[in-house]
Amino acid sequence: MGKESKSKGCLGWFLVIVILALVVGAVVYAIKQKMDHSDDDKAAPVPGPPGAIDKKYADALKIAMQFFDVQKSGKLVDNKISWRGDSGLKDGSEAKLDLSKGMYDAGDHMKFGFPLAFTATVLSWAILEYGDQMEAVNQLEPAQESLKWITDYLINAHPSENVLYIQVGDPEADHKCWDRPEDMTEKRPLTMVNTSVPGTEVAAETAAAMASASLVFKTADSTYSSTLLKHAKQLFTFADNHRGSYSENIPEVATYYNSTGYGDELLWAASWLYHATGDQSYLRYVTGKNGEEFAEWGSPTWFSWDNKLAGTQVLLSRLSFFGAKGASQNSGLENYRKSAEDVMCGLLPKSPSATSSRTDGGLIWVSEWNALQHPVASAFLAALYSDYMLTSRTPKLKCGDDSFKPSDLRKFAKSQADYVLGSNPLKMSFLVGYGDKYPQYVHHRGASIPADATTGCKDGFKWLDSTKPNPNVAIGALLGGPFLNETYIDSRNNSMQAEPTTYNGAIIVGLLSSLVTTSSAVKSFT
């Protein structure tokens, strides 16, 4: 009997201890959950000046920046690309203008003003937001020099208030040749918009380029900055007062850069002019009836050379994040910020409203042609928004019933950059010159023809059809990218995947600059 009672007593104490342990565990778990939830509401520390350099992104940025040198037209200064030389020196001569500068659009020798101006706007934005991070890896000066090479051209392309030259070259004639830009002999006709033949989207995008660049050069060269701003104001007025789609009024441009509408460019340009001038009339422009007509609030879109709405939403959201004058109680600005949040929620893979437009490897995938434009541009916007949240001590982003931190946006941005740099099923970099494996048959005339070859317009096609890899490296070129099934055909004739574009260069420079290191966002561009 004694032994049995003792056994029962031990069992009782054991049960008490187990129950106590369960209660204590439950209390600890509840406290931890509460603390974790409290941490969700707590803002992450604001980053200070640029910190430790991430070598992967720094190396990639240095490579990406060089593609602007590959694409330059005109009399080259301090040429760093051994197989490039002077070209397009007589561009603009038929109108007694010097349009020799600027950059070629892609693997051809066309100067398309619409995407070229977008290149300048995005490059300006990248410099304004991440100039300190570029400077930390000695890339700020090259970025500014490349930007000025474009804006010098854009200034000359705008000889009077209501005239803008928007194209150099005839794409049909140009694409019948395969030659080096240094050797081209085909005619280089000019295309312009004016009050009789308006082109609102290209004039407004050029205004955005001039306004944003005026901020870049404001301290270093105030005279040049003022010149840019004068052109920006004139071009915006022209674009707004003489509304009309350039691809409807000049149908031949629609084959290559067809515009789906000009409202987004008007809002984009006005937003940049507000940042450049502080003039409240531009803020009223984007938040008033023009915003109601063109902004498509609540309908997320993809940022690209054709559609600037997502970029405008993110750019204007910084005003409410950082309490700019006139931002408080401005319902129009709140609509832009809410729309920017919708864009971000669509990008985050674990968000309830996450887009299904992705490859199995996690790359945002929207279009077969130039597939990498959308993921890289989206990642750039996500990095910006993440930095706005961090700097303004905004702890979380609400997507439906779920919450996400700035770090989640940065993680997404890194995932897209990493895919481009080789973390993909092909284990191949889509940034030419980066890593051990990247495409060798880039669709690019200058890269495909030996620098010492003598070729005319037609006989150069033997280099297009050659089975040998390109003799010259189109260093820094961001290619079109993979198909949805994550395959890539490394063929020079595969322009859908293998052709780089200059505007892709701007968005990859922007993205990589954001990831080189961490620093707080600039609260004002002025």
Protein backbone atom coordinates (compact mmCIF):
# COMPACT_ATOMS: atom_id res chain seq x y z
CA MET A 1 0.00 0.00 0.00
CA GLY A 2 2.79 2.46 0.90
CA LYS A 3 4.56 1.94 -2.39
CA GLU A 4 1.31 2.39 -4.35
CA SER A 5 0.49 5.71 -2.57
CA LYS A 6 3.98 6.98 -3.19
CA SER A 7 3.64 6.10 -6.88
CA LYS A 8 0.32 7.94 -7.16
CA GLY A 9 1.81 10.99 -5.42
CA CYS A 10 4.70 11.15 -7.89
CA LEU A 11 2.30 10.86 -10.82
CA GLY A 12 0.20 13.73 -9.45
CA TRP A 13 3.19 16.00 -9.06
CA PHE A 14 4.32 15.10 -12.56
CA LEU A 15 0.94 16.12 -14.00
CA VAL A 16 1.06 19.41 -12.07
CA ILE A 17 4.51 20.17 -13.46
CA VAL A 18 3.41 19.35 -17.04
CA ILE A 19 0.34 21.58 -16.73
CA LEU A 20 2.42 24.40 -15.26
CA ALA A 21 4.92 24.04 -18.07
CA LEU A 22 2.13 24.23 -20.64
CA VAL A 23 0.66 27.33 -19.00
CA VAL A 24 4.07 29.04 -18.82
CA GLY A 25 4.74 28.08 -22.45
CA ALA A 26 1.40 29.52 -23.55
CA VAL A 27 2.06 32.75 -21.66
CA VAL A 28 5.56 33.07 -23.17
CA TYR A 29 4.16 32.36 -26.66
CA ALA A 30 1.43 34.97 -26.23
CA ILE A 31 3.94 37.57 -25.02
CA LYS A 32 6.26 36.76 -27.95
CA GLN A 33 3.40 37.04 -30.43
CA LYS A 34 2.43 40.38 -28.92
CA MET A 35 6.03 41.57 -29.07
CA ASP A 36 6.36 40.39 -32.66
CA HIS A 37 3.15 42.20 -33.53
CA SER A 38 4.46 45.23 -31.70
CA ASP A 39 7.66 45.00 -33.77
CA ASP A 40 5.50 45.07 -36.90
CA ASP A 41 4.20 48.43 -35.77
CA LYS A 42 7.66 49.68 -34.90
CA ALA A 43 9.57 51.50 -37.63
CA ALA A 44 12.98 50.16 -38.61
CA PRO A 45 15.94 52.47 -37.95
CA VAL A 46 16.57 55.15 -40.55
CA PRO A 47 19.72 54.32 -42.54
CA GLY A 48 22.54 56.83 -42.24
CA PRO A 49 25.07 57.81 -44.92
CA PRO A 50 26.08 55.06 -47.38
CA GLY A 51 27.22 52.01 -45.46
CA ALA A 52 29.08 48.86 -46.43
CA ILE A 53 29.34 48.25 -50.18
CA ASP A 54 27.75 45.13 -51.64
CA LYS A 55 30.44 44.07 -54.11
CA LYS A 56 28.09 42.11 -56.37
CA TYR A 57 25.86 45.08 -57.10
CA ALA A 58 28.78 47.52 -57.21
CA ASP A 59 30.56 45.42 -59.84
CA ALA A 60 27.34 45.07 -61.84
CA LEU A 61 26.69 48.84 -61.68
CA LYS A 62 30.16 49.64 -63.01
CA ILE A 63 29.49 47.31 -65.93
CA ALA A 64 25.94 48.56 -66.62
CA MET A 65 27.08 52.19 -66.68
CA GLN A 66 29.39 51.46 -69.62
CA PHE A 67 26.56 50.65 -72.02
CA PHE A 68 25.83 54.37 -72.36
CA ASP A 69 29.35 54.75 -73.80
CA VAL A 70 28.62 51.90 -76.21
CA GLN A 71 25.52 53.72 -77.45
CA LYS A 72 26.89 57.26 -77.86
CA SER A 73 26.65 59.10 -81.15
CA GLY A 74 28.70 62.14 -82.16
CA LYS A 75 32.31 63.14 -81.67
CA LEU A 76 33.36 61.04 -78.73
CA VAL A 77 35.23 62.60 -75.83
CA ASP A 78 37.49 60.43 -73.68
CA ASN A 79 36.18 57.34 -75.46
CA LYS A 80 36.41 54.28 -73.22
CA ILE A 81 35.07 51.71 -75.70
CA SER A 82 37.95 50.57 -77.92
CA TRP A 83 35.77 49.46 -80.85
CA ARG A 84 33.67 52.64 -80.95
CA GLY A 85 34.50 55.88 -82.78
CA ASP A 86 32.91 59.09 -84.00
CA SER A 87 29.57 58.70 -85.81
CA GLY A 88 26.44 60.60 -86.80
CA LEU A 89 28.44 63.83 -87.08
CA LYS A 90 26.09 65.31 -89.69
CA ASP A 91 22.87 64.38 -87.90
CA GLY A 92 20.51 67.35 -87.95
CA SER A 93 22.30 69.15 -90.76
CA GLU A 94 19.24 69.23 -93.03
CA ALA A 95 17.59 71.54 -90.45
CA LYS A 96 20.87 73.35 -89.73
CA LEU A 97 20.93 71.79 -86.25
CA ASP A 98 23.62 69.84 -84.43
CA LEU A 99 21.94 66.58 -83.48
CA SER A 100 25.17 64.60 -83.51
CA LYS A 101 25.03 63.72 -79.80
CA GLY A 102 22.42 61.59 -78.11
CA MET A 103 22.45 57.80 -78.13
CA TYR A 104 21.37 55.08 -80.51
CA ASP A 105 18.22 53.31 -79.42
CA ALA A 106 19.23 49.66 -79.45
CA GLY A 107 21.28 47.45 -81.75
CA ASP A 108 20.47 49.75 -84.65
CA HIS A 109 21.44 53.36 -85.47
CA MET A 110 18.12 55.09 -84.87
CA LYS A 111 17.64 57.99 -82.47
CA PHE A 112 14.06 57.71 -81.23
CA GLY A 113 13.27 60.75 -79.11
CA PHE A 114 10.46 59.22 -77.06
CA PRO A 115 12.39 56.35 -75.41
CA LEU A 116 15.61 58.42 -75.35
CA ALA A 117 13.92 61.14 -73.30
CA PHE A 118 12.59 58.41 -70.95
CA THR A 119 16.18 57.18 -70.59
CA ALA A 120 17.22 60.66 -69.46
CA THR A 121 14.32 61.01 -67.01
CA VAL A 122 14.99 57.67 -65.34
CA LEU A 123 18.75 58.25 -65.23
CA SER A 124 18.12 61.67 -63.64
CA TRP A 125 15.80 60.09 -61.08
CA ALA A 126 18.40 57.46 -60.24
CA ILE A 127 21.07 60.14 -59.75
CA LEU A 128 18.80 62.31 -57.60
CA GLU A 129 17.80 59.42 -55.35
CA TYR A 130 21.02 57.40 -55.28
CA GLY A 131 23.78 59.80 -56.25
CA ASP A 132 25.49 59.28 -52.89
CA GLN A 133 25.50 55.53 -53.46
CA MET A 134 26.83 55.96 -56.99
CA GLU A 135 29.53 58.24 -55.59
CA ALA A 136 30.52 55.58 -53.07
CA VAL A 137 31.62 53.36 -55.99
CA ASN A 138 32.87 56.16 -58.29
CA GLN A 139 29.92 55.98 -60.67
CA LEU A 140 28.26 59.37 -60.11
CA GLU A 141 30.46 61.26 -62.57
CA PRO A 142 29.98 58.71 -65.40
CA ALA A 143 26.21 58.82 -64.81
CA GLN A 144 26.15 62.63 -64.98
CA GLU A 145 28.32 62.65 -68.12
CA SER A 146 26.05 60.16 -69.86
CA LEU A 147 22.97 62.14 -68.85
CA LYS A 148 24.45 65.36 -70.23
CA TRP A 149 25.29 63.62 -73.51
CA ILE A 150 21.55 63.03 -73.92
CA THR A 151 20.32 66.40 -72.63
CA ASP A 152 22.77 68.30 -74.88
CA TYR A 153 21.05 66.52 -77.78
CA LEU A 154 17.54 67.21 -76.44
CA ILE A 155 18.29 70.93 -76.05
CA ASN A 156 19.40 71.13 -79.70
CA ALA A 157 16.35 69.10 -80.77
CA HIS A 158 14.11 71.86 -79.36
CA PRO A 159 15.08 74.90 -81.48
CA SER A 160 11.89 76.90 -80.76
CA GLU A 161 9.04 76.80 -78.25
CA ASN A 162 6.63 74.69 -80.30
CA VAL A 163 9.04 72.62 -82.39
CA LEU A 164 10.71 69.39 -81.25
CA TYR A 165 12.71 67.03 -83.44
CA ILE A 166 11.79 63.57 -82.26
CA GLN A 167 13.68 61.22 -84.58
CA VAL A 168 16.89 60.99 -86.54
CA GLY A 169 17.02 58.35 -89.24
CA ASP A 170 14.51 56.39 -91.26
CA PRO A 171 13.90 53.07 -89.49
CA GLU A 172 12.90 51.29 -92.70
CA ALA A 173 16.10 52.34 -94.47
CA ASP A 174 18.19 51.89 -91.34
CA HIS A 175 17.04 48.33 -90.80
CA LYS A 176 17.94 47.37 -94.36
CA CYS A 177 21.59 47.86 -93.42
CA TRP A 178 23.93 46.00 -91.10
CA ASP A 179 26.95 48.26 -90.62
CA ARG A 180 28.97 49.97 -87.94
CA PRO A 181 27.68 53.43 -86.90
CA GLU A 182 31.09 54.86 -87.80
CA ASP A 183 30.65 53.66 -91.39
CA MET A 184 26.96 54.28 -92.08
CA THR A 185 26.14 56.07 -95.34
CA GLU A 186 22.35 55.84 -95.41
CA LYS A 187 20.34 59.08 -95.30
CA ARG A 188 19.40 60.42 -91.86
CA PRO A 189 16.09 62.29 -92.30
CA LEU A 190 14.53 64.19 -89.41
CA THR A 191 11.04 63.91 -87.93
CA MET A 192 9.48 66.67 -85.86
CA VAL A 193 6.32 67.61 -83.98
CA ASN A 194 4.88 71.12 -83.96
CA THR A 195 1.53 72.89 -83.57
CA SER A 196 0.29 71.46 -86.90
CA VAL A 197 1.52 67.94 -86.12
CA PRO A 198 1.42 67.71 -82.32
CA GLY A 199 2.99 64.95 -80.29
CA THR A 200 1.97 65.42 -76.67
CA GLU A 201 3.57 62.30 -75.22
CA VAL A 202 7.03 62.84 -76.72
CA ALA A 203 7.01 66.59 -75.92
CA ALA A 204 5.86 65.91 -72.34
CA GLU A 205 8.42 63.12 -71.81
CA THR A 206 11.15 65.45 -73.07
CA ALA A 207 9.88 68.08 -70.62
CA ALA A 208 10.15 65.50 -67.83
CA ALA A 209 13.71 64.69 -68.92
CA MET A 210 14.71 68.37 -68.95
CA ALA A 211 13.04 69.14 -65.60
CA SER A 212 14.56 66.17 -63.78
CA ALA A 213 17.99 66.81 -65.30
CA SER A 214 17.79 70.46 -64.26
CA LEU A 215 17.75 69.20 -60.66
CA VAL A 216 20.77 66.98 -61.27
CA PHE A 217 22.89 69.89 -62.53
CA LYS A 218 21.45 72.60 -60.28
CA THR A 219 24.44 72.81 -57.95
CA ALA A 220 27.28 71.88 -60.32
CA ASP A 221 26.19 74.06 -63.27
CA SER A 222 23.39 76.47 -62.46
CA THR A 223 23.42 78.07 -65.93
CA TYR A 224 22.98 74.72 -67.68
CA SER A 225 20.30 73.78 -65.12
CA SER A 226 18.38 77.00 -65.87
CA THR A 227 18.58 76.30 -69.60
CA LEU A 228 17.15 72.83 -69.09
CA LEU A 229 14.33 74.16 -66.92
CA LYS A 230 13.42 76.81 -69.49
CA HIS A 231 13.13 74.14 -72.18
CA ALA A 232 11.13 71.90 -69.82
CA LYS A 233 8.55 74.62 -69.14
CA GLN A 234 8.20 75.48 -72.82
CA LEU A 235 7.84 71.84 -73.85
CA PHE A 236 5.23 71.14 -71.19
CA THR A 237 3.18 74.13 -72.30
CA PHE A 238 3.48 72.99 -75.91
CA ALA A 239 2.49 69.43 -75.01
CA ASP A 240 -0.49 70.53 -72.94
CA ASN A 241 -1.84 73.30 -75.18
CA HIS A 242 -1.52 71.31 -78.41
CA ARG A 243 -2.75 67.90 -77.43
CA GLY A 244 -2.46 65.05 -79.87
CA SER A 245 -0.82 61.63 -80.00
CA TYR A 246 2.44 61.54 -81.92
CA SER A 247 1.84 57.97 -83.08
CA GLU A 248 -1.55 58.95 -84.51
CA ASN A 249 -0.26 62.11 -86.18
CA ILE A 250 2.92 60.43 -87.47
CA PRO A 251 1.74 56.82 -88.06
CA GLU A 252 5.15 55.53 -89.16
CA VAL A 253 6.56 55.94 -85.62
CA ALA A 254 3.93 53.51 -84.31
CA THR A 255 5.79 50.52 -85.77
CA TYR A 256 8.54 50.84 -83.19
CA TYR A 257 7.37 53.05 -80.32
CA ASN A 258 3.61 53.27 -80.49
CA SER A 259 2.12 55.32 -77.67
CA THR A 260 -1.01 54.06 -75.92
CA GLY A 261 -1.90 57.55 -74.69
CA TYR A 262 -0.42 60.86 -73.59
CA GLY A 263 -2.16 61.50 -70.26
CA ASP A 264 0.50 59.65 -68.26
CA GLU A 265 3.29 61.75 -69.80
CA LEU A 266 1.47 64.99 -68.96
CA LEU A 267 1.15 63.95 -65.30
CA TRP A 268 4.76 62.66 -65.22
CA ALA A 269 6.12 65.91 -66.68
CA ALA A 270 4.03 68.11 -64.38
CA SER A 271 5.22 66.07 -61.38
CA TRP A 272 8.85 66.62 -62.33
CA LEU A 273 8.24 70.30 -62.97
CA TYR A 274 6.72 70.61 -59.50
CA HIS A 275 9.83 69.03 -57.98
CA ALA A 276 12.07 71.30 -60.05
CA THR A 277 10.22 74.56 -59.41
CA GLY A 278 8.04 74.20 -56.31
CA ASP A 279 5.33 75.93 -58.35
CA GLN A 280 1.98 74.90 -56.86
CA SER A 281 0.27 75.17 -60.24
CA TYR A 282 2.00 71.96 -61.32
CA LEU A 283 0.80 70.22 -58.15
CA ARG A 284 -2.75 71.42 -58.82
CA TYR A 285 -2.38 70.13 -62.38
CA VAL A 286 -1.70 66.54 -61.28
CA THR A 287 -4.19 66.47 -58.41
CA GLY A 288 -7.08 68.29 -60.13
CA LYS A 289 -9.10 67.46 -63.22
CA ASN A 290 -6.09 66.17 -65.17
CA GLY A 291 -5.39 63.68 -62.41
CA GLU A 292 -9.03 62.61 -62.41
CA GLU A 293 -8.94 62.18 -66.18
CA PHE A 294 -5.58 60.47 -66.65
CA ALA A 295 -4.22 59.03 -63.37
CA GLU A 296 -6.23 55.77 -63.31
CA TRP A 297 -6.10 55.78 -59.51
CA GLY A 298 -6.57 52.33 -58.05
CA SER A 299 -5.65 50.51 -61.27
CA PRO A 300 -2.01 49.34 -61.03
CA THR A 301 0.03 49.53 -64.22
CA TRP A 302 3.53 48.53 -65.34
CA PHE A 303 6.21 51.24 -65.47
CA SER A 304 7.79 51.42 -68.93
CA TRP A 305 8.85 53.76 -71.76
CA ASP A 306 5.18 53.88 -72.78
CA ASN A 307 3.38 54.09 -69.44
CA LYS A 308 4.64 56.43 -66.71
CA LEU A 309 1.70 56.16 -64.28
CA ALA A 310 3.36 53.85 -61.73
CA GLY A 311 6.47 56.03 -61.79
CA THR A 312 4.37 59.14 -61.29
CA GLN A 313 2.56 57.55 -58.37
CA VAL A 314 5.80 56.65 -56.62
CA LEU A 315 7.38 60.03 -57.39
CA LEU A 316 4.39 61.92 -55.97
CA SER A 317 4.10 59.61 -52.96
CA ARG A 318 7.43 60.98 -51.70
CA LEU A 319 5.62 64.32 -51.16
CA SER A 320 3.23 62.78 -48.65
CA PHE A 321 5.98 60.64 -47.09
CA PHE A 322 8.19 63.66 -46.45
CA GLY A 323 5.53 66.30 -45.78
CA ALA A 324 6.19 68.61 -48.70
CA LYS A 325 4.46 71.99 -48.79
CA GLY A 326 0.88 71.62 -49.97
CA ALA A 327 0.92 67.85 -49.42
CA SER A 328 -1.10 67.67 -46.20
CA GLN A 329 -4.84 67.23 -46.63
CA ASN A 330 -4.36 66.93 -50.41
CA SER A 331 -6.76 64.17 -51.40
CA GLY A 332 -5.30 63.99 -54.90
CA LEU A 333 -1.82 63.24 -53.54
CA GLU A 334 -3.29 60.59 -51.24
CA ASN A 335 -4.83 58.97 -54.31
CA TYR A 336 -1.39 58.76 -55.90
CA ARG A 337 0.13 57.27 -52.76
CA LYS A 338 -2.68 54.74 -52.42
CA SER A 339 -2.19 53.79 -56.07
CA ALA A 340 1.55 53.42 -55.44
CA GLU A 341 0.72 51.09 -52.54
CA ASP A 342 -1.48 49.04 -54.89
CA VAL A 343 1.47 48.74 -57.27
CA MET A 344 3.74 47.59 -54.44
CA CYS A 345 1.20 45.06 -53.17
CA GLY A 346 0.99 43.61 -56.67
CA LEU A 347 4.77 43.10 -56.74
CA LEU A 348 5.21 41.42 -53.36
CA PRO A 349 4.96 37.66 -53.99
CA LYS A 350 3.21 36.87 -50.66
CA SER A 351 0.69 39.70 -50.93
CA PRO A 352 -2.98 38.70 -51.36
CA SER A 353 -3.06 40.89 -54.49
CA ALA A 354 0.27 39.62 -55.89
CA THR A 355 0.41 39.53 -59.66
CA SER A 356 0.48 36.10 -61.27
CA SER A 357 2.61 37.52 -64.10
CA ARG A 358 5.78 35.68 -63.05
CA THR A 359 8.01 32.90 -64.25
CA ASP A 360 8.44 29.81 -62.09
CA GLY A 361 11.77 31.28 -61.04
CA GLY A 362 10.08 34.37 -59.61
CA LEU A 363 10.79 36.92 -62.36
CA ILE A 364 8.02 39.41 -63.13
CA TRP A 365 7.14 38.57 -66.73
CA VAL A 366 4.75 40.71 -68.78
CA SER A 367 5.92 40.75 -72.39
CA GLU A 368 7.81 38.45 -74.78
CA TRP A 369 9.53 41.45 -76.34
CA ASN A 370 12.10 43.00 -74.02
CA ALA A 371 10.84 40.89 -71.13
CA LEU A 372 13.30 42.32 -68.60
CA GLN A 373 12.07 45.90 -68.88
CA HIS A 374 9.08 45.37 -66.59
CA PRO A 375 10.72 43.39 -63.75
CA VAL A 376 13.73 45.71 -63.58
CA ALA A 377 11.59 48.86 -63.70
CA SER A 378 9.23 47.40 -61.08
CA ALA A 379 12.14 46.48 -58.83
CA PHE A 380 13.53 50.02 -59.12
CA LEU A 381 10.20 51.43 -57.97
CA ALA A 382 10.02 48.91 -55.11
CA ALA A 383 13.51 49.90 -53.91
CA LEU A 384 12.50 53.56 -53.98
CA TYR A 385 9.29 52.94 -52.06
CA SER A 386 11.13 50.84 -49.49
CA ASP A 387 13.61 53.68 -48.93
CA TYR A 388 10.79 56.24 -48.63
CA MET A 389 9.18 54.06 -45.95
CA LEU A 390 12.44 53.62 -44.04
CA THR A 391 13.40 57.28 -44.11
CA SER A 392 9.92 58.46 -43.10
CA ARG A 393 9.76 55.75 -40.40
CA THR A 394 6.70 54.16 -41.94
CA PRO A 395 6.76 50.67 -40.41
CA LYS A 396 4.48 48.74 -42.71
CA LEU A 397 2.53 48.57 -45.93
CA LYS A 398 -0.99 47.14 -45.77
CA CYS A 399 -2.00 44.74 -48.53
CA GLY A 400 -5.50 43.52 -47.76
CA ASP A 401 -5.36 41.96 -44.30
CA ASP A 402 -1.59 41.43 -44.47
CA SER A 403 1.24 43.79 -43.57
CA PHE A 404 4.67 44.06 -45.15
CA LYS A 405 7.83 45.84 -44.10
CA PRO A 406 10.22 47.97 -46.16
CA SER A 407 12.60 45.00 -46.04
CA ASP A 408 10.05 42.91 -47.94
CA LEU A 409 10.08 45.39 -50.80
CA ARG A 410 13.86 45.46 -50.82
CA LYS A 411 13.93 41.66 -50.83
CA PHE A 412 11.69 41.67 -53.91
CA ALA A 413 13.92 44.26 -55.64
CA LYS A 414 17.00 42.13 -54.92
CA SER A 415 15.27 39.01 -56.25
CA GLN A 416 14.71 40.64 -59.63
CA ALA A 417 18.26 42.03 -59.77
CA ASP A 418 19.71 38.68 -58.77
CA TYR A 419 17.72 36.91 -61.50
CA VAL A 420 19.19 39.29 -64.08
CA LEU A 421 22.69 38.71 -62.73
CA GLY A 422 22.52 34.92 -62.96
CA SER A 423 20.35 33.52 -60.16
CA ASN A 424 18.01 31.89 -62.67
CA PRO A 425 17.45 28.39 -64.10
CA LEU A 426 19.95 29.08 -66.90
CA LYS A 427 22.64 30.22 -64.41
CA MET A 428 23.33 32.96 -66.94
CA SER A 429 23.66 36.72 -66.57
CA PHE A 430 21.48 38.87 -68.84
CA LEU A 431 23.80 41.82 -68.20
CA VAL A 432 26.49 41.52 -70.85
CA GLY A 433 29.97 41.45 -69.36
CA TYR A 434 28.85 40.48 -65.86
CA GLY A 435 29.71 37.05 -64.48
CA ASP A 436 31.28 34.04 -66.14
CA LYS A 437 28.35 33.26 -68.42
CA TYR A 438 26.38 35.73 -70.51
CA PRO A 439 25.05 35.72 -74.12
CA GLN A 440 27.69 35.91 -76.86
CA TYR A 441 25.47 36.70 -79.85
CA VAL A 442 24.00 40.05 -78.86
CA HIS A 443 21.83 41.65 -81.57
CA HIS A 444 23.97 44.78 -81.92
CA ARG A 445 25.61 45.93 -85.14
CA GLY A 446 28.66 47.58 -83.68
CA ALA A 447 29.38 44.66 -81.38
CA SER A 448 28.97 42.08 -84.15
CA ILE A 449 31.37 43.61 -86.71
CA PRO A 450 35.15 43.68 -86.19
CA ALA A 451 36.38 47.24 -85.65
CA ASP A 452 38.85 46.93 -88.53
CA ALA A 453 36.34 45.46 -91.00
CA THR A 454 35.35 47.43 -94.07
CA THR A 455 31.66 46.96 -94.72
CA GLY A 456 28.92 48.81 -96.54
CA CYS A 457 25.21 48.82 -95.92
CA LYS A 458 24.44 45.41 -97.41
CA ASP A 459 27.62 43.35 -97.22
CA GLY A 460 27.67 43.73 -93.45
CA PHE A 461 24.85 41.21 -93.15
CA LYS A 462 27.46 38.45 -93.25
CA TRP A 463 28.29 39.50 -89.71
CA LEU A 464 24.66 39.27 -88.65
CA ASP A 465 24.55 35.70 -90.01
CA SER A 466 28.00 34.68 -88.75
CA THR A 467 28.11 31.63 -86.50
CA LYS A 468 31.01 33.11 -84.56
CA PRO A 469 30.41 34.99 -81.29
CA ASN A 470 30.49 38.79 -81.41
CA PRO A 471 34.06 40.08 -81.75
CA ASN A 472 33.22 43.05 -79.50
CA VAL A 473 31.51 42.97 -76.10
CA ALA A 474 28.49 45.26 -75.77
CA ILE A 475 29.55 45.84 -72.19
CA GLY A 476 26.71 46.64 -69.80
CA ALA A 477 23.90 45.80 -72.21
CA LEU A 478 20.74 44.56 -70.50
CA LEU A 479 19.23 42.15 -73.00
CA GLY A 480 15.59 41.46 -73.75
CA GLY A 481 15.57 38.44 -71.47
CA PRO A 482 13.98 35.01 -71.12
CA PHE A 483 10.73 33.60 -72.39
CA LEU A 484 8.01 32.74 -69.88
CA ASN A 485 9.32 29.16 -69.73
CA GLU A 486 12.72 30.63 -68.78
CA THR A 487 14.52 29.65 -71.95
CA TYR A 488 16.79 31.88 -74.01
CA ILE A 489 18.00 31.43 -77.60
CA ASP A 490 21.46 32.95 -77.96
CA SER A 491 21.19 33.98 -81.59
CA ARG A 492 22.05 37.30 -83.21
CA ASN A 493 18.87 37.07 -85.29
CA ASN A 494 16.76 36.74 -82.15
CA SER A 495 16.08 40.42 -81.63
CA MET A 496 13.12 39.63 -79.35
CA GLN A 497 15.48 38.31 -76.66
CA ALA A 498 19.01 39.29 -77.70
CA GLU A 499 18.67 43.01 -78.44
CA PRO A 500 19.57 45.54 -75.74
CA THR A 501 18.01 49.00 -75.45
CA THR A 502 19.39 52.23 -74.08
CA TYR A 503 16.38 52.79 -71.82
CA ASN A 504 16.91 49.34 -70.30
CA GLY A 505 20.34 50.71 -69.40
CA ALA A 506 18.76 53.49 -67.35
CA ILE A 507 16.43 51.26 -65.35
CA ILE A 508 19.13 48.69 -64.52
CA VAL A 509 21.48 51.50 -63.43
CA GLY A 510 18.70 52.82 -61.20
CA LEU A 511 18.03 49.41 -59.66
CA LEU A 512 21.68 48.52 -59.09
CA SER A 513 22.40 51.96 -57.61
CA SER A 514 19.68 51.38 -55.03
CA LEU A 515 21.25 48.08 -53.97
CA VAL A 516 24.95 49.02 -53.89
CA THR A 517 24.60 50.01 -50.25
CA THR A 518 21.99 51.50 -47.93
CA SER A 519 21.42 55.14 -47.10
CA SER A 520 18.49 57.34 -46.16
CA ALA A 521 16.36 58.76 -48.96
CA VAL A 522 16.80 62.37 -49.99
CA LYS A 523 13.81 64.22 -48.54
CA SER A 524 13.93 66.99 -51.14
CA PHE A 525 15.63 67.28 -54.53
CA THR A 526 16.23 71.01 -54.10
